[in-house]
Amino acid sequence: MTGPKELAAIVAGLELKVQGHPMCLRFEKLPGVYRVIYPDGDFSTHGAQARHTSGGKIRALNLLLDAIEREWVRSIPK
Protein backbone atom coordinates (compact mmCIF):
# COMPACT_ATOMS: atom_id res chain seq x y z
CA MET A 1 0.00 0.00 0.00
CA THR A 2 1.27 3.45 -0.91
CA GLY A 3 1.14 5.97 1.90
CA PRO A 4 0.67 9.74 1.78
CA LYS A 5 4.40 10.47 1.81
CA GLU A 6 5.02 8.14 -1.13
CA LEU A 7 2.11 9.63 -3.07
CA ALA A 8 3.37 13.16 -2.39
CA ALA A 9 6.82 12.12 -3.65
CA ILE A 10 5.29 10.71 -6.85
CA VAL A 11 3.34 13.94 -7.42
CA ALA A 12 6.46 16.04 -6.79
CA GLY A 13 8.47 13.91 -9.24
CA LEU A 14 5.82 14.24 -11.94
CA GLU A 15 5.63 18.00 -11.40
CA LEU A 16 9.40 18.18 -11.93
CA LYS A 17 9.08 16.14 -15.15
CA VAL A 18 6.45 18.56 -16.44
CA GLN A 19 8.52 21.60 -15.47
CA GLY A 20 11.62 20.15 -17.14
CA HIS A 21 9.91 19.31 -20.43
CA PRO A 22 10.96 21.42 -23.45
CA MET A 23 7.31 22.40 -24.00
CA CYS A 24 6.98 23.94 -20.55
CA LEU A 25 7.61 27.67 -20.52
CA ARG A 26 5.48 28.09 -17.39
CA PHE A 27 3.86 25.54 -15.06
CA GLU A 28 0.84 26.68 -13.08
CA LYS A 29 -0.72 24.86 -10.15
CA LEU A 30 -4.19 26.33 -9.81
CA PRO A 31 -7.07 25.12 -7.64
CA GLY A 32 -8.13 21.88 -9.31
CA VAL A 33 -6.04 22.44 -12.45
CA TYR A 34 -2.48 21.97 -13.64
CA ARG A 35 -1.60 24.18 -16.61
CA VAL A 36 1.41 24.36 -18.94
CA ILE A 37 2.05 27.42 -21.06
CA TYR A 38 4.09 26.60 -24.16
CA PRO A 39 7.05 28.64 -25.38
CA ASP A 40 6.66 30.70 -28.53
CA GLY A 41 6.59 28.50 -31.60
CA ASP A 42 4.45 26.92 -34.26
CA PHE A 43 2.16 24.88 -32.01
CA SER A 44 -1.53 24.14 -32.49
CA THR A 45 -2.33 25.63 -29.06
CA HIS A 46 -0.64 27.89 -26.52
CA GLY A 47 -0.65 25.30 -23.77
CA ALA A 48 -2.35 22.39 -22.10
CA GLN A 49 -4.14 21.75 -18.87
CA ALA A 50 -5.48 18.86 -16.85
CA ARG A 51 -8.05 19.00 -14.08
CA HIS A 52 -7.59 17.07 -10.88
CA THR A 53 -9.74 16.29 -7.90
CA SER A 54 -8.59 15.01 -4.56
CA GLY A 55 -6.47 11.96 -5.26
CA GLY A 56 -6.36 12.58 -9.00
CA LYS A 57 -3.13 14.57 -9.22
CA ILE A 58 -1.02 11.64 -10.45
CA ARG A 59 -3.48 10.86 -13.23
CA ALA A 60 -3.79 14.55 -14.18
CA LEU A 61 -0.01 15.02 -14.33
CA ASN A 62 0.41 11.90 -16.47
CA LEU A 63 -2.31 13.14 -18.84
CA LEU A 64 -0.58 16.52 -19.00
CA LEU A 65 2.79 14.92 -19.74
CA ASP A 66 1.20 12.86 -22.52
CA ALA A 67 -0.43 15.96 -24.02
CA ILE A 68 2.70 18.11 -24.04
CA GLU A 69 4.80 15.25 -25.39
CA ARG A 70 2.32 14.71 -28.27
CA GLU A 71 2.47 18.41 -29.12
CA TRP A 72 6.28 18.34 -28.92
CA VAL A 73 6.51 15.37 -31.31
CA ARG A 74 3.90 16.92 -33.63
CA SER A 75 5.98 20.12 -33.86
CA ILE A 76 9.12 18.36 -35.12
CA PRO A 77 9.46 18.84 -38.90
CA LYS A 78 9.31 15.64 -40.89
PDB file of N, CA and C in Angstrom:
ATOM      1  N   MET A   1       0.840  -1.184   0.000  1.00  0.00           N
ATOM      2  CA  MET A   1       0.000   0.000   0.000  1.00  0.00           C
ATOM      3  C   MET A   1       0.887   1.249   0.000  1.00  0.00           C
ATOM      4  N   THR A   2       0.515   2.213  -0.804  1.00  0.00           N
ATOM      5  CA  THR A   2       1.267   3.445  -0.912  1.00  0.00           C
ATOM      6  C   THR A   2       0.693   4.467   0.073  1.00  0.00           C
ATOM      7  N   GLY A   3       1.569   5.008   0.893  1.00  0.00           N
ATOM      8  CA  GLY A   3       1.142   5.970   1.895  1.00  0.00           C
ATOM      9  C   GLY A   3       1.180   7.392   1.374  1.00  0.00           C
ATOM     10  N   PRO A   4       0.709   8.331   2.195  1.00  0.00           N
ATOM     11  CA  PRO A   4       0.666   9.737   1.778  1.00  0.00           C
ATOM     12  C   PRO A   4       2.034  10.311   1.405  1.00  0.00           C
ATOM     13  N   LYS A   5       3.074   9.940   2.126  1.00  0.00           N
ATOM     14  CA  LYS A   5       4.403  10.468   1.807  1.00  0.00           C
ATOM     15  C   LYS A   5       4.876   9.972   0.444  1.00  0.00           C
ATOM     16  N   GLU A   6       4.624   8.701   0.167  1.00  0.00           N
ATOM     17  CA  GLU A   6       5.024   8.140  -1.130  1.00  0.00           C
ATOM     18  C   GLU A   6       4.236   8.786  -2.267  1.00  0.00           C
ATOM     19  N   LEU A   7       2.942   8.988  -2.043  1.00  0.00           N
ATOM     20  CA  LEU A   7       2.114   9.632  -3.073  1.00  0.00           C
ATOM     21  C   LEU A   7       2.567  11.070  -3.316  1.00  0.00           C
ATOM     22  N   ALA A   8       2.876  11.786  -2.249  1.00  0.00           N
ATOM     23  CA  ALA A   8       3.366  13.156  -2.393  1.00  0.00           C
ATOM     24  C   ALA A   8       4.681  13.187  -3.163  1.00  0.00           C
ATOM     25  N   ALA A   9       5.548  12.190  -2.930  1.00  0.00           N
ATOM     26  CA  ALA A   9       6.821  12.116  -3.650  1.00  0.00           C
ATOM     27  C   ALA A   9       6.590  11.833  -5.135  1.00  0.00           C
ATOM     28  N   ILE A  10       5.618  10.997  -5.447  1.00  0.00           N
ATOM     29  CA  ILE A  10       5.288  10.706  -6.850  1.00  0.00           C
ATOM     30  C   ILE A  10       4.782  11.973  -7.533  1.00  0.00           C
ATOM     31  N   VAL A  11       3.877  12.693  -6.867  1.00  0.00           N
ATOM     32  CA  VAL A  11       3.341  13.940  -7.422  1.00  0.00           C
ATOM     33  C   VAL A  11       4.472  14.939  -7.651  1.00  0.00           C
ATOM     34  N   ALA A  12       5.347  15.101  -6.668  1.00  0.00           N
ATOM     35  CA  ALA A  12       6.463  16.044  -6.793  1.00  0.00           C
ATOM     36  C   ALA A  12       7.369  15.660  -7.959  1.00  0.00           C
ATOM     37  N   GLY A  13       7.633  14.373  -8.132  1.00  0.00           N
ATOM     38  CA  GLY A  13       8.468  13.912  -9.239  1.00  0.00           C
ATOM     39  C   GLY A  13       7.827  14.183 -10.590  1.00  0.00           C
ATOM     40  N   LEU A  14       6.520  13.962 -10.684  1.00  0.00           N
ATOM     41  CA  LEU A  14       5.820  14.236 -11.942  1.00  0.00           C
ATOM     42  C   LEU A  14       5.780  15.731 -12.236  1.00  0.00           C
ATOM     43  N   GLU A  15       5.601  16.543 -11.196  1.00  0.00           N
ATOM     44  CA  GLU A  15       5.629  17.996 -11.397  1.00  0.00           C
ATOM     45  C   GLU A  15       6.984  18.432 -11.944  1.00  0.00           C
ATOM     46  N   LEU A  16       8.061  17.854 -11.428  1.00  0.00           N
ATOM     47  CA  LEU A  16       9.403  18.177 -11.927  1.00  0.00           C
ATOM     48  C   LEU A  16       9.575  17.753 -13.380  1.00  0.00           C
ATOM     49  N   LYS A  17       9.004  16.590 -13.749  1.00  0.00           N
ATOM     50  CA  LYS A  17       9.080  16.141 -15.147  1.00  0.00           C
ATOM     51  C   LYS A  17       8.376  17.126 -16.067  1.00  0.00           C
ATOM     52  N   VAL A  18       7.197  17.594 -15.639  1.00  0.00           N
ATOM     53  CA  VAL A  18       6.450  18.563 -16.443  1.00  0.00           C
ATOM     54  C   VAL A  18       7.263  19.848 -16.574  1.00  0.00           C
ATOM     55  N   GLN A  19       7.775  20.348 -15.457  1.00  0.00           N
ATOM     56  CA  GLN A  19       8.525  21.601 -15.466  1.00  0.00           C
ATOM     57  C   GLN A  19       9.803  21.506 -16.293  1.00  0.00           C
ATOM     58  N   GLY A  20      10.395  20.333 -16.386  1.00  0.00           N
ATOM     59  CA  GLY A  20      11.625  20.150 -17.135  1.00  0.00           C
ATOM     60  C   GLY A  20      11.427  19.831 -18.605  1.00  0.00           C
ATOM     61  N   HIS A  21      10.182  19.659 -19.029  1.00  0.00           N
ATOM     62  CA  HIS A  21       9.906  19.312 -20.429  1.00  0.00           C
ATOM     63  C   HIS A  21      10.156  20.523 -21.323  1.00  0.00           C
ATOM     64  N   PRO A  22      10.693  20.307 -22.529  1.00  0.00           N
ATOM     65  CA  PRO A  22      10.958  21.424 -23.449  1.00  0.00           C
ATOM     66  C   PRO A  22       9.715  22.253 -23.793  1.00  0.00           C
ATOM     67  N   MET A  23       8.536  21.679 -23.673  1.00  0.00           N
ATOM     68  CA  MET A  23       7.308  22.402 -24.005  1.00  0.00           C
ATOM     69  C   MET A  23       6.824  23.284 -22.859  1.00  0.00           C
ATOM     70  N   CYS A  24       7.464  23.217 -21.722  1.00  0.00           N
ATOM     71  CA  CYS A  24       6.979  23.944 -20.546  1.00  0.00           C
ATOM     72  C   CYS A  24       7.726  25.262 -20.375  1.00  0.00           C
ATOM     73  N   LEU A  25       7.077  26.341 -20.793  1.00  0.00           N
ATOM     74  CA  LEU A  25       7.607  27.669 -20.518  1.00  0.00           C
ATOM     75  C   LEU A  25       7.229  28.061 -19.089  1.00  0.00           C
ATOM     76  N   ARG A  26       5.963  27.776 -18.734  1.00  0.00           N
ATOM     77  CA  ARG A  26       5.479  28.091 -17.391  1.00  0.00           C
ATOM     78  C   ARG A  26       4.540  26.983 -16.922  1.00  0.00           C
ATOM     79  N   PHE A  27       4.700  26.571 -15.676  1.00  0.00           N
ATOM     80  CA  PHE A  27       3.863  25.545 -15.059  1.00  0.00           C
ATOM     81  C   PHE A  27       3.046  26.205 -13.968  1.00  0.00           C
ATOM     82  N   GLU A  28       1.727  26.056 -14.050  1.00  0.00           N
ATOM     83  CA  GLU A  28       0.839  26.680 -13.079  1.00  0.00           C
ATOM     84  C   GLU A  28       0.072  25.609 -12.323  1.00  0.00           C
ATOM     85  N   LYS A  29       0.087  25.730 -11.002  1.00  0.00           N
ATOM     86  CA  LYS A  29      -0.723  24.862 -10.147  1.00  0.00           C
ATOM     87  C   LYS A  29      -1.852  25.721  -9.601  1.00  0.00           C
ATOM     88  N   LEU A  30      -3.008  25.562 -10.187  1.00  0.00           N
ATOM     89  CA  LEU A  30      -4.185  26.328  -9.806  1.00  0.00           C
ATOM     90  C   LEU A  30      -5.140  25.412  -9.039  1.00  0.00           C
ATOM     91  N   PRO A  31      -6.119  25.982  -8.345  1.00  0.00           N
ATOM     92  CA  PRO A  31      -7.071  25.123  -7.637  1.00  0.00           C
ATOM     93  C   PRO A  31      -7.775  24.171  -8.609  1.00  0.00           C
ATOM     94  N   GLY A  32      -7.494  22.902  -8.479  1.00  0.00           N
ATOM     95  CA  GLY A  32      -8.134  21.877  -9.307  1.00  0.00           C
ATOM     96  C   GLY A  32      -7.579  21.711 -10.706  1.00  0.00           C
ATOM     97  N   VAL A  33      -6.553  22.482 -11.070  1.00  0.00           N
ATOM     98  CA  VAL A  33      -6.036  22.436 -12.445  1.00  0.00           C
ATOM     99  C   VAL A  33      -4.519  22.579 -12.450  1.00  0.00           C
ATOM    100  N   TYR A  34      -3.882  21.764 -13.288  1.00  0.00           N
ATOM    101  CA  TYR A  34      -2.479  21.970 -13.639  1.00  0.00           C
ATOM    102  C   TYR A  34      -2.473  22.537 -15.045  1.00  0.00           C
ATOM    103  N   ARG A  35      -1.641  23.556 -15.284  1.00  0.00           N
ATOM    104  CA  ARG A  35      -1.597  24.182 -16.606  1.00  0.00           C
ATOM    105  C   ARG A  35      -0.148  24.377 -17.042  1.00  0.00           C
ATOM    106  N   VAL A  36       0.109  24.105 -18.323  1.00  0.00           N
ATOM    107  CA  VAL A  36       1.413  24.362 -18.937  1.00  0.00           C
ATOM    108  C   VAL A  36       1.212  25.383 -20.042  1.00  0.00           C
ATOM    109  N   ILE A  37       2.022  26.426 -19.988  1.00  0.00           N
ATOM    110  CA  ILE A  37       2.049  27.420 -21.057  1.00  0.00           C
ATOM    111  C   ILE A  37       3.261  27.094 -21.921  1.00  0.00           C
ATOM    112  N   TYR A  38       3.028  26.956 -23.232  1.00  0.00           N
ATOM    113  CA  TYR A  38       4.090  26.599 -24.160  1.00  0.00           C
ATOM    114  C   TYR A  38       4.970  27.797 -24.491  1.00  0.00           C
ATOM    115  N   PRO A  39       6.211  27.549 -24.885  1.00  0.00           N
ATOM    116  CA  PRO A  39       7.052  28.642 -25.380  1.00  0.00           C
ATOM    117  C   PRO A  39       6.545  29.091 -26.747  1.00  0.00           C
ATOM    118  N   ASP A  40       7.032  30.235 -27.191  1.00  0.00           N
ATOM    119  CA  ASP A  40       6.665  30.705 -28.530  1.00  0.00           C
ATOM    120  C   ASP A  40       7.105  29.666 -29.555  1.00  0.00           C
ATOM    121  N   GLY A  41       6.268  29.451 -30.542  1.00  0.00           N
ATOM    122  CA  GLY A  41       6.592  28.496 -31.597  1.00  0.00           C
ATOM    123  C   GLY A  41       5.369  28.204 -32.432  1.00  0.00           C
ATOM    124  N   ASP A  42       5.527  27.285 -33.349  1.00  0.00           N
ATOM    125  CA  ASP A  42       4.451  26.919 -34.257  1.00  0.00           C
ATOM    126  C   ASP A  42       3.711  25.714 -33.689  1.00  0.00           C
ATOM    127  N   PHE A  43       2.902  25.948 -32.660  1.00  0.00           N
ATOM    128  CA  PHE A  43       2.158  24.882 -32.008  1.00  0.00           C
ATOM    129  C   PHE A  43       0.671  25.108 -32.245  1.00  0.00           C
ATOM    130  N   SER A  44      -0.098  24.028 -32.207  1.00  0.00           N
ATOM    131  CA  SER A  44      -1.530  24.140 -32.487  1.00  0.00           C
ATOM    132  C   SER A  44      -2.282  24.863 -31.375  1.00  0.00           C
ATOM    133  N   THR A  45      -1.735  24.904 -30.174  1.00  0.00           N
ATOM    134  CA  THR A  45      -2.335  25.626 -29.062  1.00  0.00           C
ATOM    135  C   THR A  45      -1.225  26.358 -28.302  1.00  0.00           C
ATOM    136  N   HIS A  46      -1.614  27.141 -27.325  1.00  0.00           N
ATOM    137  CA  HIS A  46      -0.639  27.889 -26.524  1.00  0.00           C
ATOM    138  C   HIS A  46      -0.286  27.171 -25.229  1.00  0.00           C
ATOM    139  N   GLY A  47      -0.930  26.031 -24.997  1.00  0.00           N
ATOM    140  CA  GLY A  47      -0.650  25.302 -23.771  1.00  0.00           C
ATOM    141  C   GLY A  47      -1.594  24.135 -23.604  1.00  0.00           C
ATOM    142  N   ALA A  48      -1.503  23.545 -22.424  1.00  0.00           N
ATOM    143  CA  ALA A  48      -2.350  22.389 -22.103  1.00  0.00           C
ATOM    144  C   ALA A  48      -2.688  22.457 -20.624  1.00  0.00           C
ATOM    145  N   GLN A  49      -3.785  21.807 -20.273  1.00  0.00           N
ATOM    146  CA  GLN A  49      -4.137  21.748 -18.866  1.00  0.00           C
ATOM    147  C   GLN A  49      -4.844  20.436 -18.574  1.00  0.00           C
ATOM    148  N   ALA A  50      -4.802  20.069 -17.303  1.00  0.00           N
ATOM    149  CA  ALA A  50      -5.479  18.858 -16.849  1.00  0.00           C
ATOM    150  C   ALA A  50      -6.094  19.147 -15.486  1.00  0.00           C
ATOM    151  N   ARG A  51      -7.346  18.802 -15.354  1.00  0.00           N
ATOM    152  CA  ARG A  51      -8.050  18.997 -14.083  1.00  0.00           C
ATOM    153  C   ARG A  51      -7.773  17.822 -13.161  1.00  0.00           C
ATOM    154  N   HIS A  52      -7.746  18.128 -11.870  1.00  0.00           N
ATOM    155  CA  HIS A  52      -7.594  17.069 -10.880  1.00  0.00           C
ATOM    156  C   HIS A  52      -8.548  17.319  -9.724  1.00  0.00           C
ATOM    157  N   THR A  53      -8.946  16.232  -9.126  1.00  0.00           N
ATOM    158  CA  THR A  53      -9.738  16.290  -7.903  1.00  0.00           C
ATOM    159  C   THR A  53      -8.901  15.637  -6.825  1.00  0.00           C
ATOM    160  N   SER A  54      -9.382  15.611  -5.636  1.00  0.00           N
ATOM    161  CA  SER A  54      -8.586  15.007  -4.560  1.00  0.00           C
ATOM    162  C   SER A  54      -8.225  13.581  -4.941  1.00  0.00           C
ATOM    163  N   GLY A  55      -6.943  13.289  -4.909  1.00  0.00           N
ATOM    164  CA  GLY A  55      -6.470  11.962  -5.265  1.00  0.00           C
ATOM    165  C   GLY A  55      -6.204  11.768  -6.741  1.00  0.00           C
ATOM    166  N   GLY A  56      -6.535  12.751  -7.574  1.00  0.00           N
ATOM    167  CA  GLY A  56      -6.362  12.582  -9.005  1.00  0.00           C
ATOM    168  C   GLY A  56      -5.161  13.313  -9.587  1.00  0.00           C
ATOM    169  N   LYS A  57      -4.267  13.789  -8.740  1.00  0.00           N
ATOM    170  CA  LYS A  57      -3.132  14.566  -9.224  1.00  0.00           C
ATOM    171  C   LYS A  57      -2.178  13.733 -10.072  1.00  0.00           C
ATOM    172  N   ILE A  58      -1.931  12.504  -9.683  1.00  0.00           N
ATOM    173  CA  ILE A  58      -1.021  11.644 -10.454  1.00  0.00           C
ATOM    174  C   ILE A  58      -1.580  11.411 -11.845  1.00  0.00           C
ATOM    175  N   ARG A  59      -2.846  11.089 -11.928  1.00  0.00           N
ATOM    176  CA  ARG A  59      -3.480  10.857 -13.225  1.00  0.00           C
ATOM    177  C   ARG A  59      -3.443  12.131 -14.065  1.00  0.00           C
ATOM    178  N   ALA A  60      -3.769  13.282 -13.452  1.00  0.00           N
ATOM    179  CA  ALA A  60      -3.785  14.549 -14.183  1.00  0.00           C
ATOM    180  C   ALA A  60      -2.396  14.899 -14.709  1.00  0.00           C
ATOM    181  N   LEU A  61      -1.375  14.708 -13.892  1.00  0.00           N
ATOM    182  CA  LEU A  61      -0.006  15.021 -14.331  1.00  0.00           C
ATOM    183  C   LEU A  61       0.437  14.091 -15.449  1.00  0.00           C
ATOM    184  N   ASN A  62       0.067  12.823 -15.381  1.00  0.00           N
ATOM    185  CA  ASN A  62       0.411  11.895 -16.466  1.00  0.00           C
ATOM    186  C   ASN A  62      -0.309  12.281 -17.756  1.00  0.00           C
ATOM    187  N   LEU A  63      -1.576  12.680 -17.652  1.00  0.00           N
ATOM    188  CA  LEU A  63      -2.306  13.138 -18.840  1.00  0.00           C
ATOM    189  C   LEU A  63      -1.658  14.395 -19.416  1.00  0.00           C
ATOM    190  N   LEU A  64      -1.236  15.300 -18.550  1.00  0.00           N
ATOM    191  CA  LEU A  64      -0.584  16.522 -18.998  1.00  0.00           C
ATOM    192  C   LEU A  64       0.742  16.220 -19.690  1.00  0.00           C
ATOM    193  N   LEU A  65       1.522  15.328 -19.102  1.00  0.00           N
ATOM    194  CA  LEU A  65       2.786  14.921 -19.740  1.00  0.00           C
ATOM    195  C   LEU A  65       2.542  14.313 -21.114  1.00  0.00           C
ATOM    196  N   ASP A  66       1.526  13.463 -21.222  1.00  0.00           N
ATOM    197  CA  ASP A  66       1.198  12.863 -22.524  1.00  0.00           C
ATOM    198  C   ASP A  66       0.821  13.938 -23.540  1.00  0.00           C
ATOM    199  N   ALA A  67       0.029  14.907 -23.109  1.00  0.00           N
ATOM    200  CA  ALA A  67      -0.425  15.963 -24.021  1.00  0.00           C
ATOM    201  C   ALA A  67       0.730  16.825 -24.505  1.00  0.00           C
ATOM    202  N   ILE A  68       1.606  17.240 -23.599  1.00  0.00           N
ATOM    203  CA  ILE A  68       2.697  18.111 -24.035  1.00  0.00           C
ATOM    204  C   ILE A  68       3.726  17.348 -24.858  1.00  0.00           C
ATOM    205  N   GLU A  69       3.887  16.061 -24.588  1.00  0.00           N
ATOM    206  CA  GLU A  69       4.804  15.254 -25.394  1.00  0.00           C
ATOM    207  C   GLU A  69       4.246  15.071 -26.812  1.00  0.00           C
ATOM    208  N   ARG A  70       2.943  14.829 -26.939  1.00  0.00           N
ATOM    209  CA  ARG A  70       2.321  14.708 -28.269  1.00  0.00           C
ATOM    210  C   ARG A  70       2.523  15.997 -29.065  1.00  0.00           C
ATOM    211  N   GLU A  71       2.306  17.135 -28.428  1.00  0.00           N
ATOM    212  CA  GLU A  71       2.471  18.410 -29.124  1.00  0.00           C
ATOM    213  C   GLU A  71       3.933  18.631 -29.507  1.00  0.00           C
ATOM    214  N   TRP A  72       4.841  18.223 -28.644  1.00  0.00           N
ATOM    215  CA  TRP A  72       6.284  18.341 -28.919  1.00  0.00           C
ATOM    216  C   TRP A  72       6.642  17.507 -30.155  1.00  0.00           C
ATOM    217  N   VAL A  73       6.208  16.263 -30.182  1.00  0.00           N
ATOM    218  CA  VAL A  73       6.515  15.374 -31.308  1.00  0.00           C
ATOM    219  C   VAL A  73       5.860  15.897 -32.581  1.00  0.00           C
ATOM    220  N   ARG A  74       4.640  16.395 -32.462  1.00  0.00           N
ATOM    221  CA  ARG A  74       3.903  16.918 -33.629  1.00  0.00           C
ATOM    222  C   ARG A  74       4.613  18.144 -34.217  1.00  0.00           C
ATOM    223  N   SER A  75       5.328  18.890 -33.396  1.00  0.00           N
ATOM    224  CA  SER A  75       5.979  20.122 -33.865  1.00  0.00           C
ATOM    225  C   SER A  75       7.301  19.884 -34.588  1.00  0.00           C
ATOM    226  N   ILE A  76       7.840  18.666 -34.491  1.00  0.00           N
ATOM    227  CA  ILE A  76       9.116  18.363 -35.123  1.00  0.00           C
ATOM    228  C   ILE A  76       8.908  18.194 -36.622  1.00  0.00           C
ATOM    229  N   PRO A  77       9.634  18.962 -37.444  1.00  0.00           N
ATOM    230  CA  PRO A  77       9.461  18.842 -38.898  1.00  0.00           C
ATOM    231  C   PRO A  77       9.820  17.432 -39.385  1.00  0.00           C
ATOM    232  N   LYS A  78       9.084  16.973 -40.335  1.00  0.00           N
ATOM    233  CA  LYS A  78       9.312  15.640 -40.886  1.00  0.00           C
ATOM    234  C   LYS A  78      10.176  15.718 -42.118  1.00  0.00           C
TER     235      LYS A  78
END
